[in-house]
């Protein structure tokens, strides 16, 4: 980067800067963990020498903090896929189950927005299709920040909810389904040829709680790529121009993913093997009246359903990433 002609090729230079950023994001916490290890050794020696209960309590607290940071570092180090370092578009789609499924899709949307907030990601709902009675039919969220795609790819698939329905006067147990898909957000400098003749663009009134402007003007944009049948929508902005720009970015990302799938079957397996949004295809079950959330791919399970629905997904994400690397999951059933 210190070379005199480094910026003569801006595209290559940006790739190098991004690579440096990702490498630094690993090396810096690694160095900090080494320093923490030295500090813990010194504190352990003092505790052993003076046999102080206060020192022992402090040591236990610091070890617990270090273990948490080590777990986060290990998780980060697992993200080495071709698109793991990118931002992502996450889409939630209601499946079988009527109003129950639409409400479940809305619960999942809230869960992921909470996870993004807790991890410092910038989240923007770029498309939202409300259901008639309750919940949503679908929603797309732009999750911007380093390694968003790598973390969220563990969530791709059908999610199953079992609960006593709040919409059933007889308080019967209902099962609902919703699907989650994740695609990487592609850099602006990546060239993907999209011919204007291959696009069909429709505009519509956005509706929803956006105010009179969104309700009275056709600011929503739907773009269909005719050769592939890929459809994207955006209605989050009051400006049709901004919605069109975001929709084109989403289309570019989806077409890029299709090309990647053609060249590499494993990527297709990673991102797009959801199947029908119904029985037999779920990757995870959320059984609220039994206080149990279980991932059927990894076996990771927890009894604190509310904590999961509030965005505590790290145990599931880590178990999935370890499984993808061929390692046994370090976390199993948890009551907390």
Foldseek 3Di string as FASTA:
>chain_A
DPDPCLCVPVVVNVVVVLVVVLVCVLVVLVVVLVVLVVVLVVLVVVCVVVVDPVSVVVSVVSVVVSVVSVLVSVLSVLQDDPQQFFWKKKKKAWAPDPPVSQQVSQLVVLQAVLQLVVVVWDKDWFAWAPDDPDHGRMTMITTGDTRNQVLCLLQFAKEKEWAQDPVDPVRDIDITIMGMFMFGQDDPPDDDDQDPVQKDKDFAQRDDPPDDLSRPDRLKIWIARNVVRDIFIGRRDSHNVVRVVVRVRVVVRVVVLVVVCVVDVVSCVSTPDHPHRDPPRHQWYQYPVQQKIAGPVQQAMESNSVVSSSHPCVLSSQSVSCVVVVHRRPHHYYDD
